[in-house]
């Protein structure tokens, strides 16, 4: 399956990378690697992760306090959020209607 980041989730990912890069460049690389590994697992086993709301599933990263939320759209996996665990918990829910 093909994985694509929704525009806002790409911005969230880029913002997180910039924040980690400002602390230490190797944190940016480590965060990017973990997100890449998570998206590969999602692509290989898209039904493995639990449903959170409607048809939106969540994949919690292990080394960083972030969750990837995604939806299956045919043969496409759409990453809807790259959300930090301490951000307002349901800020992303209104994105579902736009999918």
PDB file of N, CA and C in Angstrom:
ATOM      1  N   UNK A   1       0.840  -1.185   0.000  1.00  0.00           N
ATOM      2  CA  UNK A   1       0.000   0.000   0.000  1.00  0.00           C
ATOM      3  C   UNK A   1       0.884   1.247   0.000  1.00  0.00           C
ATOM      4  N   UNK A   2       0.349   2.292  -0.560  1.00  0.00           N
ATOM      5  CA  UNK A   2       1.060   3.565  -0.628  1.00  0.00           C
ATOM      6  C   UNK A   2       0.667   4.441   0.568  1.00  0.00           C
ATOM      7  N   UNK A   3       1.647   5.106   1.180  1.00  0.00           N
ATOM      8  CA  UNK A   3       1.397   5.993   2.316  1.00  0.00           C
ATOM      9  C   UNK A   3       1.592   7.430   1.852  1.00  0.00           C
ATOM     10  N   UNK A   4       0.635   8.281   2.203  1.00  0.00           N
ATOM     11  CA  UNK A   4       0.744   9.705   1.883  1.00  0.00           C
ATOM     12  C   UNK A   4       0.371  10.520   3.110  1.00  0.00           C
ATOM     13  N   UNK A   5       1.129  11.564   3.378  1.00  0.00           N
ATOM     14  CA  UNK A   5       0.825  12.474   4.474  1.00  0.00           C
ATOM     15  C   UNK A   5      -0.132  13.538   3.971  1.00  0.00           C
ATOM     16  N   UNK A   6      -1.231  13.743   4.689  1.00  0.00           N
ATOM     17  CA  UNK A   6      -2.134  14.851   4.409  1.00  0.00           C
ATOM     18  C   UNK A   6      -1.337  16.131   4.651  1.00  0.00           C
ATOM     19  N   UNK A   7      -1.688  17.198   3.979  1.00  0.00           N
ATOM     20  CA  UNK A   7      -0.896  18.432   4.037  1.00  0.00           C
ATOM     21  C   UNK A   7      -0.626  18.909   5.470  1.00  0.00           C
ATOM     22  N   UNK A   8      -1.663  18.916   6.312  1.00  0.00           N
ATOM     23  CA  UNK A   8      -1.470  19.393   7.692  1.00  0.00           C
ATOM     24  C   UNK A   8      -0.598  18.448   8.501  1.00  0.00           C
ATOM     25  N   UNK A   9      -0.704  17.153   8.245  1.00  0.00           N
ATOM     26  CA  UNK A   9       0.151  16.213   8.979  1.00  0.00           C
ATOM     27  C   UNK A   9       1.607  16.358   8.536  1.00  0.00           C
ATOM     28  N   UNK A  10       1.839  16.676   7.282  1.00  0.00           N
ATOM     29  CA  UNK A  10       3.199  16.934   6.803  1.00  0.00           C
ATOM     30  C   UNK A  10       3.777  18.154   7.518  1.00  0.00           C
ATOM     31  N   UNK A  11       2.965  19.189   7.695  1.00  0.00           N
ATOM     32  CA  UNK A  11       3.415  20.378   8.427  1.00  0.00           C
ATOM     33  C   UNK A  11       3.727  20.035   9.884  1.00  0.00           C
ATOM     34  N   UNK A  12       2.892  19.194  10.501  1.00  0.00           N
ATOM     35  CA  UNK A  12       3.147  18.774  11.888  1.00  0.00           C
ATOM     36  C   UNK A  12       4.471  18.010  11.983  1.00  0.00           C
ATOM     37  N   UNK A  13       4.691  17.121  11.025  1.00  0.00           N
ATOM     38  CA  UNK A  13       5.933  16.354  10.987  1.00  0.00           C
ATOM     39  C   UNK A  13       7.130  17.285  10.822  1.00  0.00           C
ATOM     40  N   UNK A  14       7.036  18.225   9.889  1.00  0.00           N
ATOM     41  CA  UNK A  14       8.128  19.174   9.656  1.00  0.00           C
ATOM     42  C   UNK A  14       8.396  20.043  10.884  1.00  0.00           C
ATOM     43  N   UNK A  15       7.332  20.484  11.558  1.00  0.00           N
ATOM     44  CA  UNK A  15       7.492  21.291  12.772  1.00  0.00           C
ATOM     45  C   UNK A  15       8.199  20.503  13.875  1.00  0.00           C
ATOM     46  N   UNK A  16       7.807  19.249  14.038  1.00  0.00           N
ATOM     47  CA  UNK A  16       8.436  18.405  15.063  1.00  0.00           C
ATOM     48  C   UNK A  16       9.914  18.184  14.733  1.00  0.00           C
ATOM     49  N   UNK A  17      10.202  17.928  13.468  1.00  0.00           N
ATOM     50  CA  UNK A  17      11.597  17.741  13.058  1.00  0.00           C
ATOM     51  C   UNK A  17      12.424  18.990  13.340  1.00  0.00           C
ATOM     52  N   UNK A  18      11.870  20.151  13.022  1.00  0.00           N
ATOM     53  CA  UNK A  18      12.591  21.411  13.256  1.00  0.00           C
ATOM     54  C   UNK A  18      12.862  21.618  14.742  1.00  0.00           C
ATOM     55  N   UNK A  19      11.872  21.280  15.558  1.00  0.00           N
ATOM     56  CA  UNK A  19      12.039  21.436  17.006  1.00  0.00           C
ATOM     57  C   UNK A  19      13.156  20.530  17.510  1.00  0.00           C
ATOM     58  N   UNK A  20      13.133  19.260  17.091  1.00  0.00           N
ATOM     59  CA  UNK A  20      14.185  18.328  17.511  1.00  0.00           C
ATOM     60  C   UNK A  20      15.542  18.733  16.954  1.00  0.00           C
ATOM     61  N   UNK A  21      15.572  19.201  15.716  1.00  0.00           N
ATOM     62  CA  UNK A  21      16.826  19.638  15.099  1.00  0.00           C
ATOM     63  C   UNK A  21      17.440  20.808  15.869  1.00  0.00           C
ATOM     64  N   UNK A  22      16.596  21.711  16.366  1.00  0.00           N
ATOM     65  CA  UNK A  22      17.089  22.855  17.129  1.00  0.00           C
ATOM     66  C   UNK A  22      17.720  22.413  18.450  1.00  0.00           C
ATOM     67  N   UNK A  23      17.228  21.320  19.000  1.00  0.00           N
ATOM     68  CA  UNK A  23      17.799  20.790  20.237  1.00  0.00           C
ATOM     69  C   UNK A  23      19.117  20.079  19.935  1.00  0.00           C
ATOM     70  N   UNK A  24      19.030  19.097  19.019  1.00  0.00           N
ATOM     71  CA  UNK A  24      20.200  18.327  18.584  1.00  0.00           C
ATOM     72  C   UNK A  24      19.874  17.700  17.236  1.00  0.00           C
ATOM     73  N   UNK A  25      20.702  17.910  16.237  1.00  0.00           N
ATOM     74  CA  UNK A  25      20.421  17.368  14.902  1.00  0.00           C
ATOM     75  C   UNK A  25      20.168  15.856  14.889  1.00  0.00           C
ATOM     76  N   UNK A  26      20.859  15.131  15.753  1.00  0.00           N
ATOM     77  CA  UNK A  26      20.651  13.672  15.746  1.00  0.00           C
ATOM     78  C   UNK A  26      19.244  13.295  16.225  1.00  0.00           C
ATOM     79  N   UNK A  27      18.594  14.155  17.021  1.00  0.00           N
ATOM     80  CA  UNK A  27      17.209  13.894  17.430  1.00  0.00           C
ATOM     81  C   UNK A  27      16.267  13.992  16.235  1.00  0.00           C
ATOM     82  N   UNK A  28      16.524  14.935  15.355  1.00  0.00           N
ATOM     83  CA  UNK A  28      15.732  15.057  14.123  1.00  0.00           C
ATOM     84  C   UNK A  28      15.855  13.774  13.309  1.00  0.00           C
ATOM     85  N   UNK A  29      17.068  13.296  13.141  1.00  0.00           N
ATOM     86  CA  UNK A  29      17.285  12.062  12.369  1.00  0.00           C
ATOM     87  C   UNK A  29      16.590  10.872  13.028  1.00  0.00           C
ATOM     88  N   UNK A  30      16.716  10.765  14.344  1.00  0.00           N
ATOM     89  CA  UNK A  30      16.098   9.659  15.065  1.00  0.00           C
ATOM     90  C   UNK A  30      14.568   9.712  14.962  1.00  0.00           C
ATOM     91  N   UNK A  31      14.014  10.909  15.118  1.00  0.00           N
ATOM     92  CA  UNK A  31      12.564  11.078  14.995  1.00  0.00           C
ATOM     93  C   UNK A  31      12.108  10.712  13.584  1.00  0.00           C
ATOM     94  N   UNK A  32      12.807  11.192  12.581  1.00  0.00           N
ATOM     95  CA  UNK A  32      12.449  10.886  11.187  1.00  0.00           C
ATOM     96  C   UNK A  32      12.515   9.378  10.926  1.00  0.00           C
ATOM     97  N   UNK A  33      13.544   8.733  11.455  1.00  0.00           N
ATOM     98  CA  UNK A  33      13.672   7.282  11.284  1.00  0.00           C
ATOM     99  C   UNK A  33      12.517   6.539  11.952  1.00  0.00           C
ATOM    100  N   UNK A  34      12.116   7.009  13.133  1.00  0.00           N
ATOM    101  CA  UNK A  34      11.013   6.325  13.810  1.00  0.00           C
ATOM    102  C   UNK A  34       9.700   6.511  13.050  1.00  0.00           C
ATOM    103  N   UNK A  35       9.458   7.700  12.542  1.00  0.00           N
ATOM    104  CA  UNK A  35       8.243   7.928  11.749  1.00  0.00           C
ATOM    105  C   UNK A  35       8.288   7.074  10.483  1.00  0.00           C
ATOM    106  N   UNK A  36       9.438   6.997   9.836  1.00  0.00           N
ATOM    107  CA  UNK A  36       9.576   6.173   8.630  1.00  0.00           C
ATOM    108  C   UNK A  36       9.308   4.703   8.950  1.00  0.00           C
ATOM    109  N   UNK A  37       9.859   4.210  10.042  1.00  0.00           N
ATOM    110  CA  UNK A  37       9.638   2.812  10.433  1.00  0.00           C
ATOM    111  C   UNK A  37       8.164   2.569  10.737  1.00  0.00           C
ATOM    112  N   UNK A  38       7.528   3.519  11.412  1.00  0.00           N
ATOM    113  CA  UNK A  38       6.099   3.373  11.725  1.00  0.00           C
ATOM    114  C   UNK A  38       5.261   3.353  10.455  1.00  0.00           C
ATOM    115  N   UNK A  39       5.574   4.215   9.502  1.00  0.00           N
ATOM    116  CA  UNK A  39       4.791   4.227   8.264  1.00  0.00           C
ATOM    117  C   UNK A  39       5.012   2.941   7.469  1.00  0.00           C
ATOM    118  N   UNK A  40       6.205   2.374   7.550  1.00  0.00           N
ATOM    119  CA  UNK A  40       6.448   1.090   6.884  1.00  0.00           C
ATOM    120  C   UNK A  40       5.621  -0.026   7.524  1.00  0.00           C
ATOM    121  N   UNK A  41       5.568  -0.032   8.864  1.00  0.00           N
ATOM    122  CA  UNK A  41       4.738  -1.038   9.553  1.00  0.00           C
ATOM    123  C   UNK A  41       3.274  -0.866   9.182  1.00  0.00           C
ATOM    124  N   UNK A  42       2.822   0.380   9.147  1.00  0.00           N
ATOM    125  CA  UNK A  42       1.428   0.659   8.778  1.00  0.00           C
ATOM    126  C   UNK A  42       1.164   0.154   7.364  1.00  0.00           C
ATOM    127  N   UNK A  43       2.078   0.419   6.433  1.00  0.00           N
ATOM    128  CA  UNK A  43       1.905  -0.014   5.044  1.00  0.00           C
ATOM    129  C   UNK A  43       1.860  -1.536   4.928  1.00  0.00           C
ATOM    130  N   UNK A  44       2.675  -2.214   5.724  1.00  0.00           N
ATOM    131  CA  UNK A  44       2.726  -3.678   5.679  1.00  0.00           C
ATOM    132  C   UNK A  44       1.530  -4.331   6.359  1.00  0.00           C
ATOM    133  N   UNK A  45       1.051  -3.720   7.458  1.00  0.00           N
ATOM    134  CA  UNK A  45      -0.050  -4.291   8.224  1.00  0.00           C
ATOM    135  C   UNK A  45      -1.028  -3.186   8.644  1.00  0.00           C
ATOM    136  N   UNK A  46      -1.765  -2.619   7.709  1.00  0.00           N
ATOM    137  CA  UNK A  46      -2.590  -1.443   8.015  1.00  0.00           C
ATOM    138  C   UNK A  46      -3.701  -1.689   9.028  1.00  0.00           C
ATOM    139  N   UNK A  47      -4.134  -2.930   9.185  1.00  0.00           N
ATOM    140  CA  UNK A  47      -5.215  -3.225  10.129  1.00  0.00           C
ATOM    141  C   UNK A  47      -4.697  -3.583  11.517  1.00  0.00           C
ATOM    142  N   UNK A  48      -3.388  -3.551  11.694  1.00  0.00           N
ATOM    143  CA  UNK A  48      -2.777  -3.949  12.958  1.00  0.00           C
ATOM    144  C   UNK A  48      -3.096  -2.982  14.102  1.00  0.00           C
ATOM    145  N   UNK A  49      -3.232  -1.727  13.787  1.00  0.00           N
ATOM    146  CA  UNK A  49      -3.398  -0.709  14.824  1.00  0.00           C
ATOM    147  C   UNK A  49      -4.864  -0.472  15.145  1.00  0.00           C
ATOM    148  N   UNK A  50      -5.169  -0.096  16.379  1.00  0.00           N
ATOM    149  CA  UNK A  50      -6.569   0.038  16.797  1.00  0.00           C
ATOM    150  C   UNK A  50      -7.257   1.255  16.172  1.00  0.00           C
ATOM    151  N   UNK A  51      -8.554   1.100  16.004  1.00  0.00           N
ATOM    152  CA  UNK A  51      -9.389   2.207  15.545  1.00  0.00           C
ATOM    153  C   UNK A  51      -9.590   3.152  16.724  1.00  0.00           C
ATOM    154  N   UNK A  52      -9.471   4.451  16.458  1.00  0.00           N
ATOM    155  CA  UNK A  52      -9.662   5.449  17.504  1.00  0.00           C
ATOM    156  C   UNK A  52     -11.025   6.135  17.371  1.00  0.00           C
ATOM    157  N   UNK A  53     -11.331   6.643  16.186  1.00  0.00           N
ATOM    158  CA  UNK A  53     -12.599   7.324  15.923  1.00  0.00           C
ATOM    159  C   UNK A  53     -13.015   6.989  14.500  1.00  0.00           C
ATOM    160  N   UNK A  54     -14.263   6.584  14.315  1.00  0.00           N
ATOM    161  CA  UNK A  54     -14.718   6.253  12.961  1.00  0.00           C
ATOM    162  C   UNK A  54     -13.831   5.190  12.352  1.00  0.00           C
ATOM    163  N   UNK A  55     -13.174   5.534  11.243  1.00  0.00           N
ATOM    164  CA  UNK A  55     -12.245   4.593  10.610  1.00  0.00           C
ATOM    165  C   UNK A  55     -10.788   5.031  10.767  1.00  0.00           C
ATOM    166  N   UNK A  56     -10.548   5.933  11.691  1.00  0.00           N
ATOM    167  CA  UNK A  56      -9.206   6.453  11.927  1.00  0.00           C
ATOM    168  C   UNK A  56      -8.472   5.561  12.920  1.00  0.00           C
ATOM    169  N   UNK A  57      -7.306   5.091  12.523  1.00  0.00           N
ATOM    170  CA  UNK A  57      -6.479   4.238  13.376  1.00  0.00           C
ATOM    171  C   UNK A  57      -5.321   5.035  13.943  1.00  0.00           C
ATOM    172  N   UNK A  58      -4.732   4.517  15.018  1.00  0.00           N
ATOM    173  CA  UNK A  58      -3.616   5.235  15.636  1.00  0.00           C
ATOM    174  C   UNK A  58      -2.422   4.300  15.831  1.00  0.00           C
ATOM    175  N   UNK A  59      -1.267   4.868  15.555  1.00  0.00           N
ATOM    176  CA  UNK A  59       0.010   4.182  15.754  1.00  0.00           C
ATOM    177  C   UNK A  59       0.835   5.073  16.662  1.00  0.00           C
ATOM    178  N   UNK A  60       1.069   4.615  17.883  1.00  0.00           N
ATOM    179  CA  UNK A  60       1.827   5.382  18.864  1.00  0.00           C
ATOM    180  C   UNK A  60       3.309   5.072  18.684  1.00  0.00           C
ATOM    181  N   UNK A  61       4.103   6.128  18.536  1.00  0.00           N
ATOM    182  CA  UNK A  61       5.548   5.932  18.409  1.00  0.00           C
ATOM    183  C   UNK A  61       6.114   5.490  19.750  1.00  0.00           C
ATOM    184  N   UNK A  62       7.213   4.773  19.717  1.00  0.00           N
ATOM    185  CA  UNK A  62       7.761   4.237  20.966  1.00  0.00           C
ATOM    186  C   UNK A  62       8.830   5.122  21.594  1.00  0.00           C
ATOM    187  N   UNK A  63       9.630   5.810  20.784  1.00  0.00           N
ATOM    188  CA  UNK A  63      10.738   6.597  21.323  1.00  0.00           C
ATOM    189  C   UNK A  63      10.416   8.075  21.492  1.00  0.00           C
ATOM    190  N   UNK A  64       9.374   8.528  20.852  1.00  0.00           N
ATOM    191  CA  UNK A  64       9.001   9.941  20.893  1.00  0.00           C
ATOM    192  C   UNK A  64       7.524  10.054  21.258  1.00  0.00           C
ATOM    193  N   UNK A  65       7.128  11.138  21.923  1.00  0.00           N
ATOM    194  CA  UNK A  65       5.732  11.273  22.376  1.00  0.00           C
ATOM    195  C   UNK A  65       4.792  11.756  21.265  1.00  0.00           C
ATOM    196  N   UNK A  66       4.698  10.955  20.206  1.00  0.00           N
ATOM    197  CA  UNK A  66       3.859  11.298  19.057  1.00  0.00           C
ATOM    198  C   UNK A  66       3.015  10.101  18.642  1.00  0.00           C
ATOM    199  N   UNK A  67       1.889  10.414  18.036  1.00  0.00           N
ATOM    200  CA  UNK A  67       0.989   9.403  17.484  1.00  0.00           C
ATOM    201  C   UNK A  67       0.718   9.733  16.027  1.00  0.00           C
ATOM    202  N   UNK A  68       0.774   8.719  15.176  1.00  0.00           N
ATOM    203  CA  UNK A  68       0.343   8.868  13.791  1.00  0.00           C
ATOM    204  C   UNK A  68      -1.090   8.363  13.715  1.00  0.00           C
ATOM    205  N   UNK A  69      -1.969   9.183  13.194  1.00  0.00           N
ATOM    206  CA  UNK A  69      -3.349   8.759  12.961  1.00  0.00           C
ATOM    207  C   UNK A  69      -3.545   8.674  11.462  1.00  0.00           C
ATOM    208  N   UNK A  70      -4.212   7.602  11.031  1.00  0.00           N
ATOM    209  CA  UNK A  70      -4.318   7.383   9.592  1.00  0.00           C
ATOM    210  C   UNK A  70      -5.637   6.726   9.232  1.00  0.00           C
ATOM    211  N   UNK A  71      -5.959   6.842   7.946  1.00  0.00           N
ATOM    212  CA  UNK A  71      -7.177   6.225   7.409  1.00  0.00           C
ATOM    213  C   UNK A  71      -6.815   5.471   6.141  1.00  0.00           C
ATOM    214  N   UNK A  72      -7.527   4.388   5.904  1.00  0.00           N
ATOM    215  CA  UNK A  72      -7.362   3.615   4.679  1.00  0.00           C
ATOM    216  C   UNK A  72      -8.339   4.157   3.645  1.00  0.00           C
ATOM    217  N   UNK A  73      -7.824   4.462   2.474  1.00  0.00           N
ATOM    218  CA  UNK A  73      -8.629   4.976   1.366  1.00  0.00           C
ATOM    219  C   UNK A  73      -8.275   4.159   0.129  1.00  0.00           C
ATOM    220  N   UNK A  74      -8.958   3.005  -0.014  1.00  0.00           N
ATOM    221  CA  UNK A  74      -8.615   2.096  -1.106  1.00  0.00           C
ATOM    222  C   UNK A  74      -7.236   1.526  -0.863  1.00  0.00           C
ATOM    223  N   UNK A  75      -6.330   1.718  -1.843  1.00  0.00           N
ATOM    224  CA  UNK A  75      -4.956   1.234  -1.662  1.00  0.00           C
ATOM    225  C   UNK A  75      -4.034   2.330  -1.137  1.00  0.00           C
ATOM    226  N   UNK A  76      -4.617   3.393  -0.616  1.00  0.00           N
ATOM    227  CA  UNK A  76      -3.868   4.514  -0.054  1.00  0.00           C
ATOM    228  C   UNK A  76      -4.034   4.547   1.463  1.00  0.00           C
ATOM    229  N   UNK A  77      -2.945   4.794   2.154  1.00  0.00           N
ATOM    230  CA  UNK A  77      -2.978   5.056   3.591  1.00  0.00           C
ATOM    231  C   UNK A  77      -2.709   6.544   3.743  1.00  0.00           C
ATOM    232  N   UNK A  78      -3.665   7.261   4.303  1.00  0.00           N
ATOM    233  CA  UNK A  78      -3.555   8.700   4.455  1.00  0.00           C
ATOM    234  C   UNK A  78      -3.227   9.029   5.905  1.00  0.00           C
ATOM    235  N   UNK A  79      -2.046   9.573   6.141  1.00  0.00           N
ATOM    236  CA  UNK A  79      -1.651   9.988   7.485  1.00  0.00           C
ATOM    237  C   UNK A  79      -2.344  11.323   7.754  1.00  0.00           C
ATOM    238  N   UNK A  80      -3.202  11.337   8.768  1.00  0.00           N
ATOM    239  CA  UNK A  80      -4.013  12.512   9.079  1.00  0.00           C
ATOM    240  C   UNK A  80      -3.351  13.397  10.117  1.00  0.00           C
ATOM    241  N   UNK A  81      -2.643  12.802  11.071  1.00  0.00           N
ATOM    242  CA  UNK A  81      -1.944  13.599  12.087  1.00  0.00           C
ATOM    243  C   UNK A  81      -0.596  12.993  12.420  1.00  0.00           C
ATOM    244  N   UNK A  82       0.294  13.871  12.827  1.00  0.00           N
ATOM    245  CA  UNK A  82       1.528  13.521  13.520  1.00  0.00           C
ATOM    246  C   UNK A  82       1.436  14.370  14.779  1.00  0.00           C
ATOM    247  N   UNK A  83       0.745  13.840  15.775  1.00  0.00           N
ATOM    248  CA  UNK A  83       0.371  14.669  16.924  1.00  0.00           C
ATOM    249  C   UNK A  83       1.168  14.337  18.178  1.00  0.00           C
ATOM    250  N   UNK A  84       1.554  15.398  18.864  1.00  0.00           N
ATOM    251  CA  UNK A  84       2.273  15.281  20.124  1.00  0.00           C
ATOM    252  C   UNK A  84       1.286  14.863  21.214  1.00  0.00           C
ATOM    253  N   UNK A  85       1.721  14.052  22.132  1.00  0.00           N
ATOM    254  CA  UNK A  85       0.843  13.534  23.187  1.00  0.00           C
ATOM    255  C   UNK A  85       0.330  14.594  24.148  1.00  0.00           C
ATOM    256  N   UNK A  86       1.008  15.732  24.237  1.00  0.00           N
ATOM    257  CA  UNK A  86       0.579  16.761  25.184  1.00  0.00           C
ATOM    258  C   UNK A  86      -0.191  17.901  24.534  1.00  0.00           C
ATOM    259  N   UNK A  87      -0.470  17.777  23.253  1.00  0.00           N
ATOM    260  CA  UNK A  87      -1.260  18.782  22.553  1.00  0.00           C
ATOM    261  C   UNK A  87      -2.732  18.534  22.869  1.00  0.00           C
ATOM    262  N   UNK A  88      -3.584  19.521  22.672  1.00  0.00           N
ATOM    263  CA  UNK A  88      -5.026  19.343  22.913  1.00  0.00           C
ATOM    264  C   UNK A  88      -5.457  18.034  22.256  1.00  0.00           C
ATOM    265  N   UNK A  89      -6.028  17.114  22.991  1.00  0.00           N
ATOM    266  CA  UNK A  89      -6.204  15.745  22.521  1.00  0.00           C
ATOM    267  C   UNK A  89      -7.059  15.563  21.264  1.00  0.00           C
ATOM    268  N   UNK A  90      -8.083  16.336  21.068  1.00  0.00           N
ATOM    269  CA  UNK A  90      -8.977  16.105  19.930  1.00  0.00           C
ATOM    270  C   UNK A  90      -8.913  17.198  18.872  1.00  0.00           C
ATOM    271  N   UNK A  91      -7.797  17.927  18.829  1.00  0.00           N
ATOM    272  CA  UNK A  91      -7.694  19.038  17.884  1.00  0.00           C
ATOM    273  C   UNK A  91      -7.869  18.593  16.434  1.00  0.00           C
ATOM    274  N   UNK A  92      -7.581  17.371  16.132  1.00  0.00           N
ATOM    275  CA  UNK A  92      -7.547  16.862  14.767  1.00  0.00           C
ATOM    276  C   UNK A  92      -8.874  16.277  14.292  1.00  0.00           C
ATOM    277  N   UNK A  93      -9.843  16.092  15.188  1.00  0.00           N
ATOM    278  CA  UNK A  93     -11.080  15.371  14.851  1.00  0.00           C
ATOM    279  C   UNK A  93     -11.821  16.012  13.688  1.00  0.00           C
ATOM    280  N   UNK A  94     -11.798  17.335  13.577  1.00  0.00           N
ATOM    281  CA  UNK A  94     -12.517  17.989  12.482  1.00  0.00           C
ATOM    282  C   UNK A  94     -11.909  17.655  11.115  1.00  0.00           C
ATOM    283  N   UNK A  95     -10.735  17.107  11.084  1.00  0.00           N
ATOM    284  CA  UNK A  95     -10.119  16.713   9.813  1.00  0.00           C
ATOM    285  C   UNK A  95     -10.828  15.535   9.170  1.00  0.00           C
ATOM    286  N   UNK A  96     -11.501  14.729   9.979  1.00  0.00           N
ATOM    287  CA  UNK A  96     -12.161  13.528   9.472  1.00  0.00           C
ATOM    288  C   UNK A  96     -13.199  13.882   8.421  1.00  0.00           C
ATOM    289  N   UNK A  97     -13.964  14.933   8.657  1.00  0.00           N
ATOM    290  CA  UNK A  97     -15.009  15.326   7.714  1.00  0.00           C
ATOM    291  C   UNK A  97     -14.452  15.712   6.359  1.00  0.00           C
ATOM    292  N   UNK A  98     -13.188  16.129   6.329  1.00  0.00           N
ATOM    293  CA  UNK A  98     -12.563  16.566   5.084  1.00  0.00           C
ATOM    294  C   UNK A  98     -11.917  15.442   4.303  1.00  0.00           C
ATOM    295  N   UNK A  99     -11.990  14.240   4.796  1.00  0.00           N
ATOM    296  CA  UNK A  99     -11.326  13.108   4.137  1.00  0.00           C
ATOM    297  C   UNK A  99     -12.238  12.425   3.153  1.00  0.00           C
TER     298      UNK A  99
END
